[in-house]
Amino acid sequence: METLLKLLRPLFLPLLKLKLEPPHLPEGTSLVRHLRPSPSWLAYRYLQTLFGLLNQFIGVGVMAVVLIVRLESAGVALAVLLAVVELFVIGLALVTTRVDYDLRHYLVGDRSLRVAQGAWRREEATLSYANVQNLEVLQGPLERLFGFKSLIVSTAGSDASPQDPSSNSHLVTMVGLENADELRELILGMLRHHKDSGLGEPVHHPPAGLDSSRLLEVRNAALALRDAARARAATTRPSA
């Protein structure tokens, strides 16, 4: 299949209008690890694509038989045309699946994550460690069968469910990972390092409801009371 898709790729690639350059981390961020989905995820996606086209393929086959029976020679020409269109659709779907696999990159930097994915719908997101709220590893029955997992990264403001990651822009899913648990621990280590080294000096804020002028009045009153107490103690001290 890979050889056939390599031959078909130049035919369909212009339709996708994509730039195939790999993504880069923001300037000033060092790359720690560059990951890609596993080949088993690609096999899973091929089967998923073909299964999704199964009903359409059967429908085209039935329509072709009906045309041949009813229209004879003219029906044969229409049936051949339908078959060519269907093969074009299948070829486009498989090439798109392969290109989607080639364009998925997960970059782990020392300050942020960079996730690039998608063929028809291109998505690129940079996630700062300061905004990451949760990391969750998911693996369903089919994923377990093919031997890969998904890592879901939630950032501040996420309110979507893991079953529908696309419903919220603050939720990013890295799919097809053979070492999702190891990646999760790596990112957690980056989060801990970021929090330990990026806090800076603590900032002291006045309690809610008190402005700086009120605090100054309280301070001056306290100093006045202290001075009055010292003066009274000096005047009442017994003489030698």
Protein backbone atom coordinates (compact mmCIF):
# COMPACT_ATOMS: atom_id res chain seq x y z
CA MET A 1 0.00 0.00 0.00
CA GLU A 2 2.81 2.43 0.84
CA THR A 3 4.29 2.07 -2.66
CA LEU A 4 0.91 2.78 -4.25
CA LEU A 5 0.37 5.82 -2.03
CA LYS A 6 3.79 7.18 -2.94
CA LEU A 7 2.76 7.02 -6.60
CA LEU A 8 -0.60 8.67 -5.89
CA ARG A 9 0.76 11.34 -3.56
CA PRO A 10 1.93 13.80 -6.29
CA LEU A 11 -1.54 13.56 -7.85
CA PHE A 12 -3.50 14.45 -4.70
CA LEU A 13 -1.05 16.60 -2.73
CA PRO A 14 -1.76 19.83 -4.68
CA LEU A 15 -5.43 19.51 -3.70
CA LEU A 16 -4.52 19.78 0.00
CA LYS A 17 -2.46 22.98 -0.47
CA LEU A 18 -0.20 22.25 2.48
CA LYS A 19 3.25 23.27 3.59
CA LEU A 20 5.16 20.16 4.58
CA GLU A 21 7.87 21.87 6.65
CA PRO A 22 8.05 20.61 10.25
CA PRO A 23 7.07 23.08 13.00
CA HIS A 24 9.52 24.91 15.24
CA LEU A 25 9.43 25.95 18.87
CA PRO A 26 9.21 29.66 19.71
CA GLU A 27 12.47 31.60 19.74
CA GLY A 28 14.32 31.20 23.01
CA THR A 29 12.90 27.73 23.71
CA SER A 30 15.22 24.72 23.56
CA LEU A 31 14.00 21.40 22.15
CA VAL A 32 13.96 18.59 24.69
CA ARG A 33 12.18 15.91 22.67
CA HIS A 34 10.55 15.55 19.25
CA LEU A 35 7.86 12.86 18.98
CA ARG A 36 5.73 11.44 16.18
CA PRO A 37 2.74 9.05 16.18
CA SER A 38 3.67 5.39 15.98
CA PRO A 39 3.35 3.35 12.74
CA SER A 40 0.66 1.26 14.45
CA TRP A 41 -1.48 4.41 14.70
CA LEU A 42 -1.08 4.89 10.94
CA ALA A 43 -2.28 1.31 10.32
CA TYR A 44 -5.23 1.99 12.62
CA ARG A 45 -6.07 5.16 10.67
CA TYR A 46 -5.90 3.31 7.33
CA LEU A 47 -8.41 0.74 8.58
CA GLN A 48 -10.60 3.48 10.04
CA THR A 49 -10.61 5.34 6.72
CA LEU A 50 -11.43 2.25 4.66
CA PHE A 51 -14.17 1.21 7.07
CA GLY A 52 -15.69 4.67 6.84
CA LEU A 53 -15.85 4.33 3.03
CA LEU A 54 -17.28 0.81 3.09
CA ASN A 55 -20.95 1.80 2.86
CA GLN A 56 -20.18 4.22 0.05
CA PHE A 57 -18.23 1.54 -1.83
CA ILE A 58 -21.09 -0.95 -1.50
CA GLY A 59 -23.60 1.67 -2.64
CA VAL A 60 -21.54 2.47 -5.74
CA GLY A 61 -21.25 -1.23 -6.55
CA VAL A 62 -25.00 -1.75 -6.30
CA MET A 63 -25.66 1.33 -8.44
CA ALA A 64 -23.21 0.11 -11.07
CA VAL A 65 -24.96 -3.27 -11.29
CA VAL A 66 -28.36 -1.57 -11.64
CA LEU A 67 -27.06 0.67 -14.42
CA ILE A 68 -25.59 -2.24 -16.34
CA VAL A 69 -28.81 -4.28 -16.06
CA ARG A 70 -31.11 -1.46 -17.09
CA LEU A 71 -29.04 0.46 -19.61
CA GLU A 72 -26.81 -2.31 -20.98
CA SER A 73 -23.92 -0.76 -22.95
CA ALA A 74 -24.64 2.78 -21.77
CA GLY A 75 -24.92 1.43 -18.25
CA VAL A 76 -21.46 -0.15 -18.56
CA ALA A 77 -19.95 3.24 -19.43
CA LEU A 78 -21.70 4.90 -16.47
CA ALA A 79 -20.64 2.06 -14.18
CA VAL A 80 -17.02 2.50 -15.24
CA LEU A 81 -17.30 6.24 -14.61
CA LEU A 82 -18.72 5.60 -11.14
CA ALA A 83 -15.90 3.15 -10.41
CA VAL A 84 -13.27 5.71 -11.48
CA VAL A 85 -14.83 8.38 -9.25
CA GLU A 86 -15.00 5.97 -6.32
CA LEU A 87 -11.36 4.93 -6.76
CA PHE A 88 -10.42 8.61 -6.87
CA VAL A 89 -12.26 9.23 -3.59
CA ILE A 90 -10.61 6.21 -1.93
CA GLY A 91 -7.18 7.24 -3.18
CA LEU A 92 -7.65 10.79 -1.93
CA ALA A 93 -8.80 9.55 1.48
CA LEU A 94 -5.80 7.22 1.87
CA VAL A 95 -3.28 9.82 0.69
CA THR A 96 -4.81 12.37 3.07
CA THR A 97 -4.50 9.86 5.92
CA ARG A 98 -0.83 9.34 5.13
CA VAL A 99 -0.15 13.09 4.80
CA ASP A 100 -1.99 13.68 8.09
CA TYR A 101 0.39 11.18 9.70
CA ASP A 102 3.45 12.85 8.18
CA LEU A 103 2.37 16.29 9.41
CA ARG A 104 1.86 15.33 13.06
CA HIS A 105 4.69 16.60 15.25
CA TYR A 106 4.86 16.92 19.02
CA LEU A 107 7.71 19.13 20.24
CA VAL A 108 8.57 19.25 23.93
CA GLY A 109 10.61 22.32 24.82
CA ASP A 110 12.07 23.57 28.07
CA ARG A 111 9.44 26.35 28.25
CA SER A 112 6.49 25.22 26.13
CA LEU A 113 4.89 22.51 23.99
CA ARG A 114 4.34 22.78 20.25
CA VAL A 115 1.70 20.52 18.65
CA ALA A 116 1.14 20.48 14.87
CA GLN A 117 -1.37 18.13 13.25
CA GLY A 118 -4.02 17.73 10.57
CA ALA A 119 -4.18 17.65 6.78
CA TRP A 120 -7.60 18.92 5.70
CA ARG A 121 -7.86 20.96 8.89
CA ARG A 122 -4.40 22.17 9.85
CA GLU A 123 -3.89 22.89 13.55
CA GLU A 124 -0.83 24.25 15.30
CA ALA A 125 -0.78 25.19 18.98
CA THR A 126 1.89 26.37 21.40
CA LEU A 127 1.17 25.67 25.06
CA SER A 128 3.10 27.45 27.78
CA TYR A 129 3.83 25.37 30.86
CA ALA A 130 2.48 28.25 32.96
CA ASN A 131 -1.01 27.54 31.56
CA VAL A 132 -1.04 23.72 31.67
CA GLN A 133 -3.59 22.48 34.22
CA ASN A 134 -3.88 18.74 33.64
CA LEU A 135 -2.32 15.82 31.73
CA GLU A 136 -4.39 12.70 31.06
CA VAL A 137 -3.44 9.47 29.28
CA LEU A 138 -6.29 7.67 27.48
CA GLN A 139 -6.41 4.25 25.81
CA GLY A 140 -9.56 2.58 24.50
CA PRO A 141 -10.00 -1.08 23.47
CA LEU A 142 -8.89 -0.53 19.85
CA GLU A 143 -5.96 1.62 20.94
CA ARG A 144 -4.93 -1.15 23.33
CA LEU A 145 -5.16 -3.68 20.51
CA PHE A 146 -2.89 -1.60 18.26
CA GLY A 147 -0.55 -0.65 21.10
CA PHE A 148 -0.74 3.12 21.38
CA LYS A 149 -2.25 5.76 23.68
CA SER A 150 -3.29 9.41 23.59
CA LEU A 151 -2.12 12.21 25.85
CA ILE A 152 -4.60 15.05 26.50
CA VAL A 153 -3.18 18.37 27.67
CA SER A 154 -5.64 20.74 29.36
CA THR A 155 -4.79 24.39 29.83
CA ALA A 156 -6.38 27.18 31.85
CA GLY A 157 -9.99 27.63 30.78
CA SER A 158 -10.57 24.09 29.51
CA ASP A 159 -14.13 22.91 29.93
CA ALA A 160 -14.47 20.28 27.18
CA SER A 161 -14.65 16.55 27.77
CA PRO A 162 -11.83 14.21 26.68
CA GLN A 163 -14.34 12.42 24.41
CA ASP A 164 -14.69 15.59 22.32
CA PRO A 165 -11.35 17.41 22.43
CA SER A 166 -12.20 19.59 19.42
CA SER A 167 -15.04 21.30 21.32
CA ASN A 168 -12.59 23.53 23.21
CA SER A 169 -9.48 25.29 21.94
CA HIS A 170 -7.80 24.89 25.35
CA LEU A 171 -7.66 21.11 24.99
CA VAL A 172 -4.91 19.52 22.85
CA THR A 173 -4.67 15.79 22.13
CA MET A 174 -1.44 14.07 21.12
CA VAL A 175 -2.52 10.80 19.52
CA GLY A 176 -0.76 7.59 18.54
CA LEU A 177 1.91 7.61 21.26
CA GLU A 178 3.64 4.38 22.24
CA ASN A 179 5.23 6.07 25.27
CA ALA A 180 2.43 8.38 26.42
CA ASP A 181 3.07 7.64 30.12
CA GLU A 182 6.76 8.46 29.75
CA LEU A 183 5.90 11.67 27.91
CA ARG A 184 3.45 12.64 30.65
CA GLU A 185 6.17 12.25 33.29
CA LEU A 186 8.58 14.28 31.15
CA ILE A 187 6.09 17.15 30.82
CA LEU A 188 5.28 16.99 34.53
CA GLY A 189 8.99 17.34 35.22
CA MET A 190 9.08 20.39 32.96
CA LEU A 191 6.07 21.84 34.81
CA ARG A 192 7.76 21.35 38.19
CA HIS A 193 10.98 22.90 36.91
CA HIS A 194 9.06 25.84 35.47
CA LYS A 195 7.22 26.50 38.73
CA ASP A 196 10.37 26.16 40.83
CA SER A 197 12.48 28.47 38.68
CA GLY A 198 9.92 30.89 37.32
CA LEU A 199 8.16 32.25 40.39
CA GLY A 200 10.65 35.02 41.22
CA GLU A 201 10.36 37.12 44.38
CA PRO A 202 7.05 36.91 46.20
CA VAL A 203 4.74 39.86 45.78
CA HIS A 204 2.89 41.07 48.87
CA HIS A 205 -0.57 42.45 48.30
CA PRO A 206 -2.68 44.34 50.90
CA PRO A 207 -5.77 42.54 52.17
CA ALA A 208 -8.89 42.94 50.08
CA GLY A 209 -10.89 46.03 50.99
CA LEU A 210 -7.94 48.08 52.36
CA ASP A 211 -6.22 50.63 50.16
CA SER A 212 -2.75 52.08 50.71
CA SER A 213 -4.01 55.35 52.30
CA ARG A 214 -5.95 53.47 55.00
CA LEU A 215 -2.92 51.30 55.74
CA LEU A 216 -0.79 54.43 56.09
CA GLU A 217 -3.27 55.94 58.57
CA VAL A 218 -3.23 52.75 60.66
CA ARG A 219 0.58 52.74 60.64
CA ASN A 220 0.80 56.40 61.74
CA ALA A 221 -1.74 55.82 64.52
CA ALA A 222 0.25 52.85 65.78
CA LEU A 223 3.47 54.87 65.80
CA ALA A 224 1.73 57.70 67.67
CA LEU A 225 0.45 55.31 70.32
CA ARG A 226 3.92 53.82 70.72
CA ASP A 227 5.51 57.28 71.17
CA ALA A 228 2.81 58.29 73.69
CA ALA A 229 3.37 55.13 75.69
CA ARG A 230 7.12 55.74 75.80
CA ALA A 231 6.63 59.38 76.89
CA ARG A 232 4.22 58.38 79.68
CA ALA A 233 6.62 55.73 80.91
CA ALA A 234 9.44 58.28 81.03
CA THR A 235 7.39 60.83 83.05
CA THR A 236 6.21 58.29 85.64
CA ARG A 237 9.64 56.75 86.22
CA PRO A 238 10.66 57.28 89.89
CA SER A 239 13.61 59.58 90.47
CA ALA A 240 16.76 58.28 92.16
